[in-house]
Amino acid sequence: MKITIETVEHVANLARLYLSEDEKAEMAQKLNSILDYMEKLNELDTSNVPPTAHIIPVKNVFREDVVRESLPREEALRNAPEKERGFFKVPRIIED
């Protein structure tokens, strides 16, 4: 599969990115290099390699979910740029 300029334009449009003609050509070349390398990896015989999710053994490093006293509201809001009635005040991002 080869990445074309048209494919780069389509993906850039979906991501709402503006790319110059030079950037489109460069991106197509870089993406094609990645795909070429993947093809090279596909040539390897991996029939004796077990499927793995991680290269090293992974264990759960999370602490136990234990109820404990939380940070006092005043302390949590102490460095807030804006607060209102005991809550963080953030800019509205959804219009009515």
PDB file of N, CA and C in Angstrom:
ATOM      1  N   MET A   1       0.843  -1.176   0.000  1.00  0.00           N
ATOM      2  CA  MET A   1       0.000   0.000   0.000  1.00  0.00           C
ATOM      3  C   MET A   1       0.887   1.239   0.000  1.00  0.00           C
ATOM      4  N   LYS A   2       0.594   2.171  -0.838  1.00  0.00           N
ATOM      5  CA  LYS A   2       1.373   3.398  -0.934  1.00  0.00           C
ATOM      6  C   LYS A   2       0.497   4.571  -0.511  1.00  0.00           C
ATOM      7  N   ILE A   3       1.074   5.424   0.310  1.00  0.00           N
ATOM      8  CA  ILE A   3       0.380   6.633   0.748  1.00  0.00           C
ATOM      9  C   ILE A   3       0.556   7.699  -0.326  1.00  0.00           C
ATOM     10  N   THR A   4      -0.550   8.230  -0.797  1.00  0.00           N
ATOM     11  CA  THR A   4      -0.507   9.259  -1.836  1.00  0.00           C
ATOM     12  C   THR A   4      -0.713  10.638  -1.213  1.00  0.00           C
ATOM     13  N   ILE A   5      -0.432  11.643  -2.012  1.00  0.00           N
ATOM     14  CA  ILE A   5      -0.684  13.022  -1.576  1.00  0.00           C
ATOM     15  C   ILE A   5      -2.174  13.186  -1.254  1.00  0.00           C
ATOM     16  N   GLU A   6      -3.032  12.542  -2.052  1.00  0.00           N
ATOM     17  CA  GLU A   6      -4.475  12.639  -1.830  1.00  0.00           C
ATOM     18  C   GLU A   6      -4.854  12.047  -0.472  1.00  0.00           C
ATOM     19  N   THR A   7      -4.214  10.940  -0.080  1.00  0.00           N
ATOM     20  CA  THR A   7      -4.481  10.339   1.225  1.00  0.00           C
ATOM     21  C   THR A   7      -4.055  11.286   2.344  1.00  0.00           C
ATOM     22  N   VAL A   8      -2.884  11.894   2.186  1.00  0.00           N
ATOM     23  CA  VAL A   8      -2.399  12.856   3.179  1.00  0.00           C
ATOM     24  C   VAL A   8      -3.371  14.033   3.274  1.00  0.00           C
ATOM     25  N   GLU A   9      -3.840  14.526   2.131  1.00  0.00           N
ATOM     26  CA  GLU A   9      -4.797  15.640   2.132  1.00  0.00           C
ATOM     27  C   GLU A   9      -6.086  15.245   2.854  1.00  0.00           C
ATOM     28  N   HIS A  10      -6.561  14.027   2.602  1.00  0.00           N
ATOM     29  CA  HIS A  10      -7.795  13.555   3.233  1.00  0.00           C
ATOM     30  C   HIS A  10      -7.642  13.491   4.755  1.00  0.00           C
ATOM     31  N   VAL A  11      -6.550  12.905   5.227  1.00  0.00           N
ATOM     32  CA  VAL A  11      -6.324  12.783   6.666  1.00  0.00           C
ATOM     33  C   VAL A  11      -6.114  14.172   7.283  1.00  0.00           C
ATOM     34  N   ALA A  12      -5.387  15.033   6.608  1.00  0.00           N
ATOM     35  CA  ALA A  12      -5.176  16.397   7.110  1.00  0.00           C
ATOM     36  C   ALA A  12      -6.512  17.125   7.218  1.00  0.00           C
ATOM     37  N   ASN A  13      -7.376  16.925   6.243  1.00  0.00           N
ATOM     38  CA  ASN A  13      -8.696  17.550   6.273  1.00  0.00           C
ATOM     39  C   ASN A  13      -9.507  17.029   7.457  1.00  0.00           C
ATOM     40  N   LEU A  14      -9.468  15.727   7.693  1.00  0.00           N
ATOM     41  CA  LEU A  14     -10.193  15.155   8.832  1.00  0.00           C
ATOM     42  C   LEU A  14      -9.680  15.716  10.148  1.00  0.00           C
ATOM     43  N   ALA A  15      -8.370  15.963  10.217  1.00  0.00           N
ATOM     44  CA  ALA A  15      -7.751  16.484  11.440  1.00  0.00           C
ATOM     45  C   ALA A  15      -7.783  18.012  11.485  1.00  0.00           C
ATOM     46  N   ARG A  16      -8.383  18.625  10.465  1.00  0.00           N
ATOM     47  CA  ARG A  16      -8.466  20.085  10.372  1.00  0.00           C
ATOM     48  C   ARG A  16      -7.069  20.721  10.401  1.00  0.00           C
ATOM     49  N   LEU A  17      -6.148  20.100   9.652  1.00  0.00           N
ATOM     50  CA  LEU A  17      -4.785  20.613   9.559  1.00  0.00           C
ATOM     51  C   LEU A  17      -4.565  21.238   8.190  1.00  0.00           C
ATOM     52  N   TYR A  18      -3.859  22.343   8.154  1.00  0.00           N
ATOM     53  CA  TYR A  18      -3.455  22.919   6.888  1.00  0.00           C
ATOM     54  C   TYR A  18      -2.008  22.519   6.643  1.00  0.00           C
ATOM     55  N   LEU A  19      -1.764  21.875   5.512  1.00  0.00           N
ATOM     56  CA  LEU A  19      -0.402  21.507   5.139  1.00  0.00           C
ATOM     57  C   LEU A  19      -0.083  22.143   3.798  1.00  0.00           C
ATOM     58  N   SER A  20       1.117  22.700   3.691  1.00  0.00           N
ATOM     59  CA  SER A  20       1.557  23.231   2.404  1.00  0.00           C
ATOM     60  C   SER A  20       1.841  22.057   1.467  1.00  0.00           C
ATOM     61  N   GLU A  21       2.039  22.364   0.202  1.00  0.00           N
ATOM     62  CA  GLU A  21       2.331  21.301  -0.768  1.00  0.00           C
ATOM     63  C   GLU A  21       3.617  20.570  -0.399  1.00  0.00           C
ATOM     64  N   ASP A  22       4.621  21.307   0.081  1.00  0.00           N
ATOM     65  CA  ASP A  22       5.875  20.680   0.499  1.00  0.00           C
ATOM     66  C   ASP A  22       5.656  19.766   1.706  1.00  0.00           C
ATOM     67  N   GLU A  23       4.840  20.225   2.655  1.00  0.00           N
ATOM     68  CA  GLU A  23       4.556  19.412   3.841  1.00  0.00           C
ATOM     69  C   GLU A  23       3.777  18.150   3.476  1.00  0.00           C
ATOM     70  N   LYS A  24       2.868  18.264   2.528  1.00  0.00           N
ATOM     71  CA  LYS A  24       2.106  17.087   2.077  1.00  0.00           C
ATOM     72  C   LYS A  24       3.048  16.049   1.466  1.00  0.00           C
ATOM     73  N   ALA A  25       3.958  16.527   0.622  1.00  0.00           N
ATOM     74  CA  ALA A  25       4.906  15.609  -0.017  1.00  0.00           C
ATOM     75  C   ALA A  25       5.822  14.970   1.020  1.00  0.00           C
ATOM     76  N   GLU A  26       6.284  15.772   1.974  1.00  0.00           N
ATOM     77  CA  GLU A  26       7.169  15.250   3.022  1.00  0.00           C
ATOM     78  C   GLU A  26       6.433  14.225   3.887  1.00  0.00           C
ATOM     79  N   MET A  27       5.184  14.525   4.242  1.00  0.00           N
ATOM     80  CA  MET A  27       4.405  13.600   5.074  1.00  0.00           C
ATOM     81  C   MET A  27       4.151  12.292   4.329  1.00  0.00           C
ATOM     82  N   ALA A  28       3.822  12.374   3.048  1.00  0.00           N
ATOM     83  CA  ALA A  28       3.602  11.158   2.262  1.00  0.00           C
ATOM     84  C   ALA A  28       4.873  10.321   2.227  1.00  0.00           C
ATOM     85  N   GLN A  29       6.025  10.959   2.042  1.00  0.00           N
ATOM     86  CA  GLN A  29       7.305  10.247   2.000  1.00  0.00           C
ATOM     87  C   GLN A  29       7.594   9.582   3.337  1.00  0.00           C
ATOM     88  N   LYS A  30       7.375  10.308   4.446  1.00  0.00           N
ATOM     89  CA  LYS A  30       7.656   9.754   5.774  1.00  0.00           C
ATOM     90  C   LYS A  30       6.725   8.578   6.089  1.00  0.00           C
ATOM     91  N   LEU A  31       5.446   8.733   5.756  1.00  0.00           N
ATOM     92  CA  LEU A  31       4.501   7.641   6.013  1.00  0.00           C
ATOM     93  C   LEU A  31       4.829   6.417   5.157  1.00  0.00           C
ATOM     94  N   ASN A  32       5.254   6.642   3.924  1.00  0.00           N
ATOM     95  CA  ASN A  32       5.647   5.526   3.072  1.00  0.00           C
ATOM     96  C   ASN A  32       6.898   4.832   3.606  1.00  0.00           C
ATOM     97  N   SER A  33       7.809   5.597   4.208  1.00  0.00           N
ATOM     98  CA  SER A  33       8.995   4.994   4.821  1.00  0.00           C
ATOM     99  C   SER A  33       8.595   4.068   5.966  1.00  0.00           C
ATOM    100  N   ILE A  34       7.622   4.504   6.750  1.00  0.00           N
ATOM    101  CA  ILE A  34       7.137   3.676   7.861  1.00  0.00           C
ATOM    102  C   ILE A  34       6.519   2.391   7.322  1.00  0.00           C
ATOM    103  N   LEU A  35       5.693   2.515   6.292  1.00  0.00           N
ATOM    104  CA  LEU A  35       5.057   1.319   5.717  1.00  0.00           C
ATOM    105  C   LEU A  35       6.088   0.384   5.087  1.00  0.00           C
ATOM    106  N   ASP A  36       7.123   0.949   4.459  1.00  0.00           N
ATOM    107  CA  ASP A  36       8.191   0.119   3.883  1.00  0.00           C
ATOM    108  C   ASP A  36       8.894  -0.678   4.983  1.00  0.00           C
ATOM    109  N   TYR A  37       9.136  -0.041   6.117  1.00  0.00           N
ATOM    110  CA  TYR A  37       9.787  -0.726   7.222  1.00  0.00           C
ATOM    111  C   TYR A  37       8.886  -1.824   7.773  1.00  0.00           C
ATOM    112  N   MET A  38       7.596  -1.567   7.848  1.00  0.00           N
ATOM    113  CA  MET A  38       6.653  -2.582   8.320  1.00  0.00           C
ATOM    114  C   MET A  38       6.669  -3.788   7.377  1.00  0.00           C
ATOM    115  N   GLU A  39       6.765  -3.547   6.096  1.00  0.00           N
ATOM    116  CA  GLU A  39       6.861  -4.650   5.134  1.00  0.00           C
ATOM    117  C   GLU A  39       8.128  -5.460   5.370  1.00  0.00           C
ATOM    118  N   LYS A  40       9.211  -4.774   5.682  1.00  0.00           N
ATOM    119  CA  LYS A  40      10.470  -5.457   5.977  1.00  0.00           C
ATOM    120  C   LYS A  40      10.297  -6.348   7.213  1.00  0.00           C
ATOM    121  N   LEU A  41       9.608  -5.831   8.240  1.00  0.00           N
ATOM    122  CA  LEU A  41       9.360  -6.628   9.447  1.00  0.00           C
ATOM    123  C   LEU A  41       8.461  -7.826   9.147  1.00  0.00           C
ATOM    124  N   ASN A  42       7.532  -7.670   8.211  1.00  0.00           N
ATOM    125  CA  ASN A  42       6.636  -8.773   7.855  1.00  0.00           C
ATOM    126  C   ASN A  42       7.378  -9.944   7.208  1.00  0.00           C
ATOM    127  N   GLU A  43       8.581  -9.707   6.717  1.00  0.00           N
ATOM    128  CA  GLU A  43       9.371 -10.771   6.110  1.00  0.00           C
ATOM    129  C   GLU A  43       9.973 -11.710   7.148  1.00  0.00           C
ATOM    130  N   LEU A  44      10.026 -11.286   8.395  1.00  0.00           N
ATOM    131  CA  LEU A  44      10.611 -12.109   9.451  1.00  0.00           C
ATOM    132  C   LEU A  44       9.710 -13.288   9.795  1.00  0.00           C
ATOM    133  N   ASP A  45      10.350 -14.421  10.107  1.00  0.00           N
ATOM    134  CA  ASP A  45       9.600 -15.601  10.541  1.00  0.00           C
ATOM    135  C   ASP A  45       9.341 -15.481  12.037  1.00  0.00           C
ATOM    136  N   THR A  46       8.101 -15.269  12.382  1.00  0.00           N
ATOM    137  CA  THR A  46       7.731 -15.128  13.795  1.00  0.00           C
ATOM    138  C   THR A  46       6.853 -16.284  14.259  1.00  0.00           C
ATOM    139  N   SER A  47       6.893 -17.389  13.531  1.00  0.00           N
ATOM    140  CA  SER A  47       6.022 -18.518  13.876  1.00  0.00           C
ATOM    141  C   SER A  47       6.359 -19.124  15.234  1.00  0.00           C
ATOM    142  N   ASN A  48       7.599 -19.005  15.683  1.00  0.00           N
ATOM    143  CA  ASN A  48       7.991 -19.561  16.979  1.00  0.00           C
ATOM    144  C   ASN A  48       8.024 -18.506  18.090  1.00  0.00           C
ATOM    145  N   VAL A  49       7.516 -17.325  17.807  1.00  0.00           N
ATOM    146  CA  VAL A  49       7.504 -16.254  18.802  1.00  0.00           C
ATOM    147  C   VAL A  49       6.094 -16.154  19.383  1.00  0.00           C
ATOM    148  N   PRO A  50       5.975 -16.368  20.687  1.00  0.00           N
ATOM    149  CA  PRO A  50       4.628 -16.291  21.287  1.00  0.00           C
ATOM    150  C   PRO A  50       4.107 -14.857  21.267  1.00  0.00           C
ATOM    151  N   PRO A  51       2.807 -14.694  21.094  1.00  0.00           N
ATOM    152  CA  PRO A  51       2.234 -13.339  21.124  1.00  0.00           C
ATOM    153  C   PRO A  51       2.422 -12.726  22.512  1.00  0.00           C
ATOM    154  N   THR A  52       2.785 -11.469  22.533  1.00  0.00           N
ATOM    155  CA  THR A  52       2.975 -10.782  23.806  1.00  0.00           C
ATOM    156  C   THR A  52       2.339  -9.400  23.743  1.00  0.00           C
ATOM    157  N   ALA A  53       1.918  -8.929  24.888  1.00  0.00           N
ATOM    158  CA  ALA A  53       1.401  -7.573  24.979  1.00  0.00           C
ATOM    159  C   ALA A  53       2.504  -6.626  25.435  1.00  0.00           C
ATOM    160  N   HIS A  54       3.430  -7.150  26.244  1.00  0.00           N
ATOM    161  CA  HIS A  54       4.547  -6.362  26.742  1.00  0.00           C
ATOM    162  C   HIS A  54       5.817  -7.179  26.630  1.00  0.00           C
ATOM    163  N   ILE A  55       6.915  -6.489  26.439  1.00  0.00           N
ATOM    164  CA  ILE A  55       8.190  -7.177  26.278  1.00  0.00           C
ATOM    165  C   ILE A  55       8.704  -7.727  27.603  1.00  0.00           C
ATOM    166  N   ILE A  56       8.301  -7.099  28.710  1.00  0.00           N
ATOM    167  CA  ILE A  56       8.694  -7.568  30.028  1.00  0.00           C
ATOM    168  C   ILE A  56       7.441  -7.904  30.832  1.00  0.00           C
ATOM    169  N   PRO A  57       7.554  -8.768  31.826  1.00  0.00           N
ATOM    170  CA  PRO A  57       6.375  -9.083  32.640  1.00  0.00           C
ATOM    171  C   PRO A  57       5.842  -7.820  33.334  1.00  0.00           C
ATOM    172  N   VAL A  58       4.541  -7.683  33.327  1.00  0.00           N
ATOM    173  CA  VAL A  58       3.913  -6.509  33.920  1.00  0.00           C
ATOM    174  C   VAL A  58       3.051  -6.949  35.088  1.00  0.00           C
ATOM    175  N   LYS A  59       3.124  -6.206  36.179  1.00  0.00           N
ATOM    176  CA  LYS A  59       2.269  -6.497  37.316  1.00  0.00           C
ATOM    177  C   LYS A  59       1.475  -5.246  37.647  1.00  0.00           C
ATOM    178  N   ASN A  60       0.404  -5.424  38.358  1.00  0.00           N
ATOM    179  CA  ASN A  60      -0.423  -4.307  38.755  1.00  0.00           C
ATOM    180  C   ASN A  60       0.311  -3.491  39.804  1.00  0.00           C
ATOM    181  N   VAL A  61       0.571  -2.235  39.491  1.00  0.00           N
ATOM    182  CA  VAL A  61       1.307  -1.383  40.421  1.00  0.00           C
ATOM    183  C   VAL A  61       0.396  -0.395  41.140  1.00  0.00           C
ATOM    184  N   PHE A  62      -0.902  -0.531  40.936  1.00  0.00           N
ATOM    185  CA  PHE A  62      -1.837   0.375  41.586  1.00  0.00           C
ATOM    186  C   PHE A  62      -2.004   0.019  43.054  1.00  0.00           C
ATOM    187  N   ARG A  63      -2.265   1.018  43.847  1.00  0.00           N
ATOM    188  CA  ARG A  63      -2.511   0.792  45.265  1.00  0.00           C
ATOM    189  C   ARG A  63      -3.925   0.250  45.443  1.00  0.00           C
ATOM    190  N   GLU A  64      -4.191  -0.276  46.596  1.00  0.00           N
ATOM    191  CA  GLU A  64      -5.535  -0.731  46.913  1.00  0.00           C
ATOM    192  C   GLU A  64      -6.471   0.469  46.945  1.00  0.00           C
ATOM    193  N   ASP A  65      -7.687   0.279  46.510  1.00  0.00           N
ATOM    194  CA  ASP A  65      -8.675   1.344  46.505  1.00  0.00           C
ATOM    195  C   ASP A  65      -9.314   1.414  47.888  1.00  0.00           C
ATOM    196  N   VAL A  66      -8.725   2.257  48.719  1.00  0.00           N
ATOM    197  CA  VAL A  66      -9.150   2.364  50.109  1.00  0.00           C
ATOM    198  C   VAL A  66      -9.712   3.764  50.336  1.00  0.00           C
ATOM    199  N   VAL A  67     -10.843   3.832  51.022  1.00  0.00           N
ATOM    200  CA  VAL A  67     -11.429   5.123  51.358  1.00  0.00           C
ATOM    201  C   VAL A  67     -10.556   5.789  52.403  1.00  0.00           C
ATOM    202  N   ARG A  68     -10.219   7.052  52.143  1.00  0.00           N
ATOM    203  CA  ARG A  68      -9.437   7.808  53.108  1.00  0.00           C
ATOM    204  C   ARG A  68      -9.845   9.267  53.030  1.00  0.00           C
ATOM    205  N   GLU A  69      -9.411  10.045  53.987  1.00  0.00           N
ATOM    206  CA  GLU A  69      -9.788  11.444  54.041  1.00  0.00           C
ATOM    207  C   GLU A  69      -9.226  12.177  52.829  1.00  0.00           C
ATOM    208  N   SER A  70     -10.056  13.023  52.231  1.00  0.00           N
ATOM    209  CA  SER A  70      -9.604  13.743  51.046  1.00  0.00           C
ATOM    210  C   SER A  70      -9.068  15.116  51.421  1.00  0.00           C
ATOM    211  N   LEU A  71      -8.548  15.793  50.435  1.00  0.00           N
ATOM    212  CA  LEU A  71      -7.996  17.124  50.606  1.00  0.00           C
ATOM    213  C   LEU A  71      -9.123  18.084  50.987  1.00  0.00           C
ATOM    214  N   PRO A  72      -8.921  18.930  51.973  1.00  0.00           N
ATOM    215  CA  PRO A  72      -9.966  19.899  52.320  1.00  0.00           C
ATOM    216  C   PRO A  72     -10.248  20.835  51.141  1.00  0.00           C
ATOM    217  N   ARG A  73     -11.500  21.196  50.975  1.00  0.00           N
ATOM    218  CA  ARG A  73     -11.916  22.027  49.839  1.00  0.00           C
ATOM    219  C   ARG A  73     -11.119  23.322  49.767  1.00  0.00           C
ATOM    220  N   GLU A  74     -10.927  23.980  50.887  1.00  0.00           N
ATOM    221  CA  GLU A  74     -10.206  25.255  50.901  1.00  0.00           C
ATOM    222  C   GLU A  74      -8.783  25.084  50.378  1.00  0.00           C
ATOM    223  N   GLU A  75      -8.146  23.995  50.766  1.00  0.00           N
ATOM    224  CA  GLU A  75      -6.779  23.740  50.314  1.00  0.00           C
ATOM    225  C   GLU A  75      -6.744  23.415  48.823  1.00  0.00           C
ATOM    226  N   ALA A  76      -7.713  22.654  48.349  1.00  0.00           N
ATOM    227  CA  ALA A  76      -7.775  22.308  46.926  1.00  0.00           C
ATOM    228  C   ALA A  76      -7.995  23.552  46.071  1.00  0.00           C
ATOM    229  N   LEU A  77      -8.779  24.499  46.564  1.00  0.00           N
ATOM    230  CA  LEU A  77      -9.102  25.702  45.797  1.00  0.00           C
ATOM    231  C   LEU A  77      -8.118  26.849  46.021  1.00  0.00           C
ATOM    232  N   ARG A  78      -7.158  26.661  46.916  1.00  0.00           N
ATOM    233  CA  ARG A  78      -6.261  27.745  47.301  1.00  0.00           C
ATOM    234  C   ARG A  78      -5.555  28.373  46.094  1.00  0.00           C
ATOM    235  N   ASN A  79      -5.077  27.596  45.159  1.00  0.00           N
ATOM    236  CA  ASN A  79      -4.335  28.137  44.008  1.00  0.00           C
ATOM    237  C   ASN A  79      -5.182  28.244  42.748  1.00  0.00           C
ATOM    238  N   ALA A  80      -6.482  28.048  42.882  1.00  0.00           N
ATOM    239  CA  ALA A  80      -7.355  28.129  41.705  1.00  0.00           C
ATOM    240  C   ALA A  80      -7.389  29.559  41.181  1.00  0.00           C
ATOM    241  N   PRO A  81      -7.226  29.731  39.852  1.00  0.00           N
ATOM    242  CA  PRO A  81      -7.278  31.085  39.309  1.00  0.00           C
ATOM    243  C   PRO A  81      -8.652  31.724  39.526  1.00  0.00           C
ATOM    244  N   GLU A  82      -9.707  30.909  39.418  1.00  0.00           N
ATOM    245  CA  GLU A  82     -11.064  31.402  39.670  1.00  0.00           C
ATOM    246  C   GLU A  82     -11.846  30.331  40.402  1.00  0.00           C
ATOM    247  N   LYS A  83     -12.669  30.778  41.341  1.00  0.00           N
ATOM    248  CA  LYS A  83     -13.525  29.840  42.066  1.00  0.00           C
ATOM    249  C   LYS A  83     -14.865  30.510  42.310  1.00  0.00           C
ATOM    250  N   GLU A  84     -15.868  29.689  42.473  1.00  0.00           N
ATOM    251  CA  GLU A  84     -17.204  30.222  42.695  1.00  0.00           C
ATOM    252  C   GLU A  84     -17.994  29.244  43.550  1.00  0.00           C
ATOM    253  N   ARG A  85     -18.503  29.702  44.675  1.00  0.00           N
ATOM    254  CA  ARG A  85     -19.336  28.915  45.588  1.00  0.00           C
ATOM    255  C   ARG A  85     -18.702  27.564  45.939  1.00  0.00           C
ATOM    256  N   GLY A  86     -17.399  27.556  46.170  1.00  0.00           N
ATOM    257  CA  GLY A  86     -16.729  26.341  46.608  1.00  0.00           C
ATOM    258  C   GLY A  86     -16.337  25.387  45.493  1.00  0.00           C
ATOM    259  N   PHE A  87     -16.367  25.853  44.238  1.00  0.00           N
ATOM    260  CA  PHE A  87     -16.002  25.009  43.093  1.00  0.00           C
ATOM    261  C   PHE A  87     -14.997  25.748  42.222  1.00  0.00           C
ATOM    262  N   PHE A  88     -14.244  24.983  41.407  1.00  0.00           N
ATOM    263  CA  PHE A  88     -13.386  25.584  40.401  1.00  0.00           C
ATOM    264  C   PHE A  88     -14.278  26.229  39.344  1.00  0.00           C
ATOM    265  N   LYS A  89     -13.947  27.435  38.926  1.00  0.00           N
ATOM    266  CA  LYS A  89     -14.689  28.077  37.860  1.00  0.00           C
ATOM    267  C   LYS A  89     -13.837  28.000  36.602  1.00  0.00           C
ATOM    268  N   VAL A  90     -14.421  27.436  35.556  1.00  0.00           N
ATOM    269  CA  VAL A  90     -13.695  27.259  34.300  1.00  0.00           C
ATOM    270  C   VAL A  90     -14.440  27.988  33.194  1.00  0.00           C
ATOM    271  N   PRO A  91     -13.747  28.348  32.112  1.00  0.00           N
ATOM    272  CA  PRO A  91     -14.421  29.038  31.019  1.00  0.00           C
ATOM    273  C   PRO A  91     -15.458  28.139  30.357  1.00  0.00           C
ATOM    274  N   ARG A  92     -16.554  28.744  29.931  1.00  0.00           N
ATOM    275  CA  ARG A  92     -17.606  28.003  29.227  1.00  0.00           C
ATOM    276  C   ARG A  92     -17.067  27.636  27.842  1.00  0.00           C
ATOM    277  N   ILE A  93     -17.246  26.379  27.448  1.00  0.00           N
ATOM    278  CA  ILE A  93     -16.799  25.958  26.120  1.00  0.00           C
ATOM    279  C   ILE A  93     -17.967  25.513  25.247  1.00  0.00           C
ATOM    280  N   ILE A  94     -19.129  25.302  25.853  1.00  0.00           N
ATOM    281  CA  ILE A  94     -20.315  24.921  25.098  1.00  0.00           C
ATOM    282  C   ILE A  94     -21.287  26.087  25.137  1.00  0.00           C
ATOM    283  N   GLU A  95     -21.686  26.516  23.973  1.00  0.00           N
ATOM    284  CA  GLU A  95     -22.608  27.645  23.904  1.00  0.00           C
ATOM    285  C   GLU A  95     -24.033  27.159  24.056  1.00  0.00           C
ATOM    286  N   ASP A  96     -24.912  28.076  24.494  1.00  0.00           N
ATOM    287  CA  ASP A  96     -26.325  27.725  24.662  1.00  0.00           C
ATOM    288  C   ASP A  96     -26.993  27.453  23.345  1.00  0.00           C
TER     289      ASP A  96
END
